[in-house]
């Protein structure tokens, strides 16, 4: 064990009674918010370094998880935009991503309990020097732009990096385990027949200064 804090939680539409939530239930809408491209925990004072995700129950179809590298995405951007990003910060809010799915979802205490966070738009790996765009569906503002312009800039940046040719889609089997670097990866869930159960278990490992955290603080 390396002493890093870990947070474990379930990603599931199963009820305690063994059924599944209705499609308009806020708990299922919360899972649908995970279908926006995101990086875990950017809304926390200490964000995630890595995520370990295991499949427990999978539906007969759908429910894949898609991934893209924001290191490759950064390298593919034009040099002028790369340089601009190095000087920007993004502001993140948990309820912001949830509001894009349903206003009532965004009002839940789980999504309003954290103050906004601000991180530099580029996370440099301190070991190999590789740079990655650090962004998420939780990001809603850019340091040198107004509200509308900032949201457009963030959405456009994510769209640039997530074209179909850049995406890896993992189609789960029970027992599968995936691990990824949260500093340099965007991911999202995909739909499935919501009358079928889907349960994944996630363990996020927190980042520290040795992982470049201090350098990504404004």
C-alpha atoms as a PDB file:
ATOM      1  CA  UNK A   1       0.000   0.000   0.000  1.00  0.00           C
ATOM      2  CA  UNK A   2       1.309   3.465  -0.865  1.00  0.00           C
ATOM      3  CA  UNK A   3      -0.742   5.429   1.673  1.00  0.00           C
ATOM      4  CA  UNK A   4      -2.810   7.293  -0.919  1.00  0.00           C
ATOM      5  CA  UNK A   5      -6.470   7.888   0.039  1.00  0.00           C
ATOM      6  CA  UNK A   6      -8.991   5.713  -1.771  1.00  0.00           C
ATOM      7  CA  UNK A   7     -12.730   6.207  -2.293  1.00  0.00           C
ATOM      8  CA  UNK A   8     -14.886   3.241  -3.331  1.00  0.00           C
ATOM      9  CA  UNK A   9     -18.422   3.422  -4.662  1.00  0.00           C
ATOM     10  CA  UNK A  10     -20.897   1.487  -6.769  1.00  0.00           C
ATOM     11  CA  UNK A  11     -22.148   2.418 -10.228  1.00  0.00           C
ATOM     12  CA  UNK A  12     -25.413   0.536 -10.412  1.00  0.00           C
ATOM     13  CA  UNK A  13     -29.078   0.749 -11.355  1.00  0.00           C
ATOM     14  CA  UNK A  14     -29.975  -2.154  -9.049  1.00  0.00           C
ATOM     15  CA  UNK A  15     -32.265  -1.498  -6.083  1.00  0.00           C
ATOM     16  CA  UNK A  16     -31.761  -3.032  -2.647  1.00  0.00           C
ATOM     17  CA  UNK A  17     -34.738  -5.278  -3.341  1.00  0.00           C
ATOM     18  CA  UNK A  18     -33.120  -6.798  -6.410  1.00  0.00           C
ATOM     19  CA  UNK A  19     -35.012  -4.795  -9.025  1.00  0.00           C
ATOM     20  CA  UNK A  20     -33.883  -1.843 -11.118  1.00  0.00           C
ATOM     21  CA  UNK A  21     -34.638   1.863 -10.874  1.00  0.00           C
ATOM     22  CA  UNK A  22     -37.209   3.419 -13.196  1.00  0.00           C
ATOM     23  CA  UNK A  23     -35.708   5.353 -16.080  1.00  0.00           C
ATOM     24  CA  UNK A  24     -36.872   8.715 -14.652  1.00  0.00           C
ATOM     25  CA  UNK A  25     -35.571   7.975 -11.134  1.00  0.00           C
ATOM     26  CA  UNK A  26     -32.957  10.494 -10.042  1.00  0.00           C
ATOM     27  CA  UNK A  27     -30.553   7.681  -9.198  1.00  0.00           C
ATOM     28  CA  UNK A  28     -30.669   6.418 -12.771  1.00  0.00           C
ATOM     29  CA  UNK A  29     -30.413   9.980 -14.086  1.00  0.00           C
ATOM     30  CA  UNK A  30     -27.223  10.243 -12.043  1.00  0.00           C
ATOM     31  CA  UNK A  31     -25.828   7.290 -13.990  1.00  0.00           C
ATOM     32  CA  UNK A  32     -26.874   8.962 -17.242  1.00  0.00           C
ATOM     33  CA  UNK A  33     -24.768  11.975 -16.219  1.00  0.00           C
ATOM     34  CA  UNK A  34     -21.793   9.619 -16.345  1.00  0.00           C
ATOM     35  CA  UNK A  35     -22.474   9.346 -20.084  1.00  0.00           C
ATOM     36  CA  UNK A  36     -20.958  12.809 -20.482  1.00  0.00           C
ATOM     37  CA  UNK A  37     -17.213  12.784 -21.159  1.00  0.00           C
ATOM     38  CA  UNK A  38     -15.586  13.281 -17.779  1.00  0.00           C
ATOM     39  CA  UNK A  39     -12.601  12.832 -15.520  1.00  0.00           C
ATOM     40  CA  UNK A  40     -13.460  11.609 -12.023  1.00  0.00           C
ATOM     41  CA  UNK A  41     -13.282  13.909  -9.011  1.00  0.00           C
ATOM     42  CA  UNK A  42     -12.142  17.146 -10.665  1.00  0.00           C
ATOM     43  CA  UNK A  43     -14.738  18.809  -8.392  1.00  0.00           C
ATOM     44  CA  UNK A  44     -12.947  17.609  -5.226  1.00  0.00           C
ATOM     45  CA  UNK A  45     -10.228  19.564  -3.377  1.00  0.00           C
ATOM     46  CA  UNK A  46      -7.948  16.574  -4.047  1.00  0.00           C
ATOM     47  CA  UNK A  47      -8.807  14.945  -7.386  1.00  0.00           C
ATOM     48  CA  UNK A  48      -8.227  11.369  -8.501  1.00  0.00           C
ATOM     49  CA  UNK A  49      -4.924   9.996  -9.769  1.00  0.00           C
ATOM     50  CA  UNK A  50      -6.309   6.665 -10.972  1.00  0.00           C
ATOM     51  CA  UNK A  51      -9.524   4.690 -11.080  1.00  0.00           C
ATOM     52  CA  UNK A  52      -9.970   0.938 -10.707  1.00  0.00           C
ATOM     53  CA  UNK A  53     -13.307  -0.193 -12.161  1.00  0.00           C
ATOM     54  CA  UNK A  54     -14.672  -3.725 -11.947  1.00  0.00           C
ATOM     55  CA  UNK A  55     -17.777  -5.204 -13.601  1.00  0.00           C
ATOM     56  CA  UNK A  56     -20.055  -7.241 -11.325  1.00  0.00           C
ATOM     57  CA  UNK A  57     -23.325  -7.434 -13.315  1.00  0.00           C
ATOM     58  CA  UNK A  58     -23.596  -6.557 -17.020  1.00  0.00           C
ATOM     59  CA  UNK A  59     -26.617  -6.250 -19.342  1.00  0.00           C
ATOM     60  CA  UNK A  60     -27.115  -8.382 -22.425  1.00  0.00           C
ATOM     61  CA  UNK A  61     -26.283  -5.437 -24.665  1.00  0.00           C
ATOM     62  CA  UNK A  62     -24.964  -1.887 -24.386  1.00  0.00           C
ATOM     63  CA  UNK A  63     -23.438  -0.419 -21.252  1.00  0.00           C
ATOM     64  CA  UNK A  64     -19.897  -0.136 -22.617  1.00  0.00           C
ATOM     65  CA  UNK A  65     -17.449   2.389 -21.182  1.00  0.00           C
ATOM     66  CA  UNK A  66     -15.575   4.569 -23.672  1.00  0.00           C
ATOM     67  CA  UNK A  67     -12.130   6.114 -23.184  1.00  0.00           C
ATOM     68  CA  UNK A  68      -9.876   8.626 -24.924  1.00  0.00           C
ATOM     69  CA  UNK A  69      -6.363   9.820 -24.112  1.00  0.00           C
ATOM     70  CA  UNK A  70      -6.124  13.541 -23.395  1.00  0.00           C
ATOM     71  CA  UNK A  71      -2.351  13.258 -23.818  1.00  0.00           C
ATOM     72  CA  UNK A  72      -2.861  12.177 -27.418  1.00  0.00           C
ATOM     73  CA  UNK A  73      -5.578  14.814 -27.645  1.00  0.00           C
ATOM     74  CA  UNK A  74      -3.197  17.537 -26.487  1.00  0.00           C
ATOM     75  CA  UNK A  75      -0.488  16.440 -28.912  1.00  0.00           C
ATOM     76  CA  UNK A  76      -2.968  16.622 -31.817  1.00  0.00           C
ATOM     77  CA  UNK A  77      -3.909  20.252 -31.111  1.00  0.00           C
ATOM     78  CA  UNK A  78      -2.293  23.059 -33.055  1.00  0.00           C
ATOM     79  CA  UNK A  79       0.756  24.536 -31.260  1.00  0.00           C
ATOM     80  CA  UNK A  80      -0.912  27.916 -30.706  1.00  0.00           C
ATOM     81  CA  UNK A  81      -3.812  26.278 -28.868  1.00  0.00           C
ATOM     82  CA  UNK A  82      -1.420  24.106 -26.858  1.00  0.00           C
ATOM     83  CA  UNK A  83       0.421  27.216 -25.707  1.00  0.00           C
ATOM     84  CA  UNK A  84      -2.821  28.984 -24.866  1.00  0.00           C
ATOM     85  CA  UNK A  85      -4.043  26.043 -22.797  1.00  0.00           C
ATOM     86  CA  UNK A  86      -0.844  26.063 -20.750  1.00  0.00           C
ATOM     87  CA  UNK A  87      -1.864  29.503 -19.461  1.00  0.00           C
ATOM     88  CA  UNK A  88      -5.530  28.738 -18.740  1.00  0.00           C
ATOM     89  CA  UNK A  89      -7.420  27.367 -15.769  1.00  0.00           C
ATOM     90  CA  UNK A  90     -10.813  25.615 -15.756  1.00  0.00           C
ATOM     91  CA  UNK A  91     -13.368  25.920 -12.976  1.00  0.00           C
ATOM     92  CA  UNK A  92     -15.216  22.730 -11.997  1.00  0.00           C
ATOM     93  CA  UNK A  93     -18.546  22.131 -10.229  1.00  0.00           C
ATOM     94  CA  UNK A  94     -20.149  18.722  -9.599  1.00  0.00           C
ATOM     95  CA  UNK A  95     -23.709  20.012  -9.951  1.00  0.00           C
ATOM     96  CA  UNK A  96     -22.868  21.546 -13.329  1.00  0.00           C
ATOM     97  CA  UNK A  97     -22.566  18.188 -15.083  1.00  0.00           C
ATOM     98  CA  UNK A  98     -25.711  16.923 -13.355  1.00  0.00           C
ATOM     99  CA  UNK A  99     -27.704  19.997 -14.406  1.00  0.00           C
ATOM    100  CA  UNK A 100     -26.976  19.103 -18.030  1.00  0.00           C
ATOM    101  CA  UNK A 101     -29.053  15.951 -17.468  1.00  0.00           C
ATOM    102  CA  UNK A 102     -31.829  17.177 -15.137  1.00  0.00           C
ATOM    103  CA  UNK A 103     -32.183  20.367 -13.017  1.00  0.00           C
ATOM    104  CA  UNK A 104     -33.651  18.417 -10.075  1.00  0.00           C
ATOM    105  CA  UNK A 105     -30.657  16.080 -10.092  1.00  0.00           C
ATOM    106  CA  UNK A 106     -28.279  19.007  -9.711  1.00  0.00           C
ATOM    107  CA  UNK A 107     -30.093  20.190  -6.568  1.00  0.00           C
ATOM    108  CA  UNK A 108     -29.305  17.051  -4.553  1.00  0.00           C
ATOM    109  CA  UNK A 109     -26.935  17.605  -1.628  1.00  0.00           C
ATOM    110  CA  UNK A 110     -24.495  15.042  -3.006  1.00  0.00           C
ATOM    111  CA  UNK A 111     -23.843  17.357  -5.945  1.00  0.00           C
ATOM    112  CA  UNK A 112     -23.930  20.721  -4.124  1.00  0.00           C
ATOM    113  CA  UNK A 113     -21.829  19.958  -1.042  1.00  0.00           C
ATOM    114  CA  UNK A 114     -18.461  20.807  -2.616  1.00  0.00           C
ATOM    115  CA  UNK A 115     -17.250  24.343  -3.390  1.00  0.00           C
ATOM    116  CA  UNK A 116     -16.033  25.047  -6.911  1.00  0.00           C
ATOM    117  CA  UNK A 117     -12.492  23.947  -7.721  1.00  0.00           C
ATOM    118  CA  UNK A 118     -10.051  25.433 -10.202  1.00  0.00           C
ATOM    119  CA  UNK A 119      -7.275  23.547 -11.981  1.00  0.00           C
ATOM    120  CA  UNK A 120      -4.802  24.376 -14.694  1.00  0.00           C
ATOM    121  CA  UNK A 121      -5.992  23.219 -18.107  1.00  0.00           C
ATOM    122  CA  UNK A 122      -2.845  21.155 -18.723  1.00  0.00           C
ATOM    123  CA  UNK A 123      -1.504  18.484 -16.360  1.00  0.00           C
ATOM    124  CA  UNK A 124       2.159  17.705 -16.908  1.00  0.00           C
ATOM    125  CA  UNK A 125       3.338  14.269 -15.823  1.00  0.00           C
ATOM    126  CA  UNK A 126       6.328  14.941 -13.525  1.00  0.00           C
ATOM    127  CA  UNK A 127       7.977  11.626 -14.430  1.00  0.00           C
ATOM    128  CA  UNK A 128       8.038  11.757 -18.233  1.00  0.00           C
ATOM    129  CA  UNK A 129       7.040  15.372 -18.951  1.00  0.00           C
ATOM    130  CA  UNK A 130       3.997  14.357 -21.045  1.00  0.00           C
ATOM    131  CA  UNK A 131       1.241  16.964 -21.082  1.00  0.00           C
ATOM    132  CA  UNK A 132      -2.482  16.234 -21.045  1.00  0.00           C
ATOM    133  CA  UNK A 133      -5.600  18.372 -21.214  1.00  0.00           C
ATOM    134  CA  UNK A 134      -7.240  18.284 -17.781  1.00  0.00           C
ATOM    135  CA  UNK A 135     -10.930  18.802 -18.386  1.00  0.00           C
ATOM    136  CA  UNK A 136     -14.283  17.185 -17.586  1.00  0.00           C
ATOM    137  CA  UNK A 137     -18.029  17.580 -17.982  1.00  0.00           C
ATOM    138  CA  UNK A 138     -17.831  19.232 -14.542  1.00  0.00           C
ATOM    139  CA  UNK A 139     -15.859  22.149 -16.059  1.00  0.00           C
ATOM    140  CA  UNK A 140     -17.958  25.234 -16.763  1.00  0.00           C
ATOM    141  CA  UNK A 141     -15.687  28.281 -16.875  1.00  0.00           C
ATOM    142  CA  UNK A 142     -12.354  29.340 -18.356  1.00  0.00           C
ATOM    143  CA  UNK A 143     -10.082  31.812 -16.609  1.00  0.00           C
ATOM    144  CA  UNK A 144      -9.953  34.450 -19.352  1.00  0.00           C
ATOM    145  CA  UNK A 145     -13.495  34.152 -20.776  1.00  0.00           C
ATOM    146  CA  UNK A 146     -17.078  35.008 -19.964  1.00  0.00           C
ATOM    147  CA  UNK A 147     -19.577  32.303 -19.046  1.00  0.00           C
ATOM    148  CA  UNK A 148     -20.952  31.586 -22.510  1.00  0.00           C
ATOM    149  CA  UNK A 149     -17.580  31.723 -24.221  1.00  0.00           C
ATOM    150  CA  UNK A 150     -15.969  29.538 -21.576  1.00  0.00           C
ATOM    151  CA  UNK A 151     -18.576  26.802 -21.891  1.00  0.00           C
ATOM    152  CA  UNK A 152     -18.328  26.855 -25.668  1.00  0.00           C
ATOM    153  CA  UNK A 153     -14.525  26.614 -25.460  1.00  0.00           C
ATOM    154  CA  UNK A 154     -14.688  23.611 -23.102  1.00  0.00           C
ATOM    155  CA  UNK A 155     -17.307  21.797 -25.191  1.00  0.00           C
ATOM    156  CA  UNK A 156     -15.385  22.425 -28.396  1.00  0.00           C
ATOM    157  CA  UNK A 157     -12.135  21.218 -26.828  1.00  0.00           C
ATOM    158  CA  UNK A 158     -13.741  17.969 -25.647  1.00  0.00           C
ATOM    159  CA  UNK A 159     -15.353  17.443 -29.052  1.00  0.00           C
ATOM    160  CA  UNK A 160     -11.974  17.878 -30.782  1.00  0.00           C
ATOM    161  CA  UNK A 161     -10.429  15.116 -28.671  1.00  0.00           C
ATOM    162  CA  UNK A 162     -13.281  12.598 -28.703  1.00  0.00           C
ATOM    163  CA  UNK A 163     -13.824  11.826 -32.373  1.00  0.00           C
ATOM    164  CA  UNK A 164     -14.782   8.202 -33.104  1.00  0.00           C
ATOM    165  CA  UNK A 165     -11.309   7.290 -34.351  1.00  0.00           C
ATOM    166  CA  UNK A 166      -9.810   8.242 -30.946  1.00  0.00           C
ATOM    167  CA  UNK A 167     -12.207   6.206 -28.771  1.00  0.00           C
ATOM    168  CA  UNK A 168     -11.659   2.813 -27.167  1.00  0.00           C
ATOM    169  CA  UNK A 169     -14.977   1.195 -26.139  1.00  0.00           C
ATOM    170  CA  UNK A 170     -14.741  -1.523 -23.501  1.00  0.00           C
ATOM    171  CA  UNK A 171     -17.611  -4.011 -23.622  1.00  0.00           C
ATOM    172  CA  UNK A 172     -17.787  -5.431 -20.136  1.00  0.00           C
ATOM    173  CA  UNK A 173     -17.797  -9.039 -19.031  1.00  0.00           C
ATOM    174  CA  UNK A 174     -18.414  -9.956 -15.385  1.00  0.00           C
ATOM    175  CA  UNK A 175     -15.122  -9.781 -13.495  1.00  0.00           C
ATOM    176  CA  UNK A 176     -13.377  -7.425 -15.934  1.00  0.00           C
ATOM    177  CA  UNK A 177     -11.152  -4.828 -14.245  1.00  0.00           C
ATOM    178  CA  UNK A 178      -9.857  -1.645 -15.881  1.00  0.00           C
ATOM    179  CA  UNK A 179      -7.341   0.817 -14.427  1.00  0.00           C
ATOM    180  CA  UNK A 180      -6.563   4.221 -15.938  1.00  0.00           C
ATOM    181  CA  UNK A 181      -4.692   7.453 -15.284  1.00  0.00           C
ATOM    182  CA  UNK A 182      -7.248  10.124 -14.371  1.00  0.00           C
ATOM    183  CA  UNK A 183      -4.769  12.903 -15.184  1.00  0.00           C
ATOM    184  CA  UNK A 184      -4.825  12.032 -18.865  1.00  0.00           C
ATOM    185  CA  UNK A 185      -8.052  10.197 -19.699  1.00  0.00           C
ATOM    186  CA  UNK A 186     -11.648  11.101 -20.449  1.00  0.00           C
ATOM    187  CA  UNK A 187     -14.272   8.396 -20.168  1.00  0.00           C
ATOM    188  CA  UNK A 188     -18.042   7.968 -20.327  1.00  0.00           C
ATOM    189  CA  UNK A 189     -20.664   5.269 -20.000  1.00  0.00           C
ATOM    190  CA  UNK A 190     -23.014   4.334 -22.826  1.00  0.00           C
ATOM    191  CA  UNK A 191     -26.750   3.440 -22.712  1.00  0.00           C
ATOM    192  CA  UNK A 192     -28.147  -0.027 -22.170  1.00  0.00           C
ATOM    193  CA  UNK A 193     -31.696  -1.437 -21.788  1.00  0.00           C
ATOM    194  CA  UNK A 194     -32.590   0.086 -18.414  1.00  0.00           C
ATOM    195  CA  UNK A 195     -34.867  -2.806 -17.472  1.00  0.00           C
ATOM    196  CA  UNK A 196     -31.644  -4.836 -17.161  1.00  0.00           C
ATOM    197  CA  UNK A 197     -29.224  -4.591 -14.235  1.00  0.00           C
ATOM    198  CA  UNK A 198     -25.745  -3.120 -14.628  1.00  0.00           C
ATOM    199  CA  UNK A 199     -23.407  -2.889 -11.640  1.00  0.00           C
ATOM    200  CA  UNK A 200     -19.798  -1.737 -11.640  1.00  0.00           C
ATOM    201  CA  UNK A 201     -17.646  -1.015  -8.580  1.00  0.00           C
ATOM    202  CA  UNK A 202     -15.144   1.834  -8.671  1.00  0.00           C
ATOM    203  CA  UNK A 203     -12.166   2.673  -6.485  1.00  0.00           C
ATOM    204  CA  UNK A 204     -10.584   6.095  -7.032  1.00  0.00           C
ATOM    205  CA  UNK A 205      -7.042   6.739  -5.774  1.00  0.00           C
ATOM    206  CA  UNK A 206      -6.270  10.343  -4.866  1.00  0.00           C
ATOM    207  CA  UNK A 207      -3.477  12.328  -6.502  1.00  0.00           C
ATOM    208  CA  UNK A 208      -0.610  13.870  -4.554  1.00  0.00           C
ATOM    209  CA  UNK A 209       2.248  16.262  -5.131  1.00  0.00           C
ATOM    210  CA  UNK A 210       4.471  13.442  -6.438  1.00  0.00           C
ATOM    211  CA  UNK A 211       1.872  12.998  -9.193  1.00  0.00           C
ATOM    212  CA  UNK A 212       2.049  16.657 -10.252  1.00  0.00           C
ATOM    213  CA  UNK A 213      -0.897  17.894  -8.170  1.00  0.00           C
ATOM    214  CA  UNK A 214       0.821  20.979  -6.778  1.00  0.00           C
ATOM    215  CA  UNK A 215       1.801  22.083 -10.279  1.00  0.00           C
ATOM    216  CA  UNK A 216      -1.771  21.882 -11.566  1.00  0.00           C
ATOM    217  CA  UNK A 217      -3.087  24.162  -8.804  1.00  0.00           C
ATOM    218  CA  UNK A 218      -3.459  27.773 -10.029  1.00  0.00           C
END
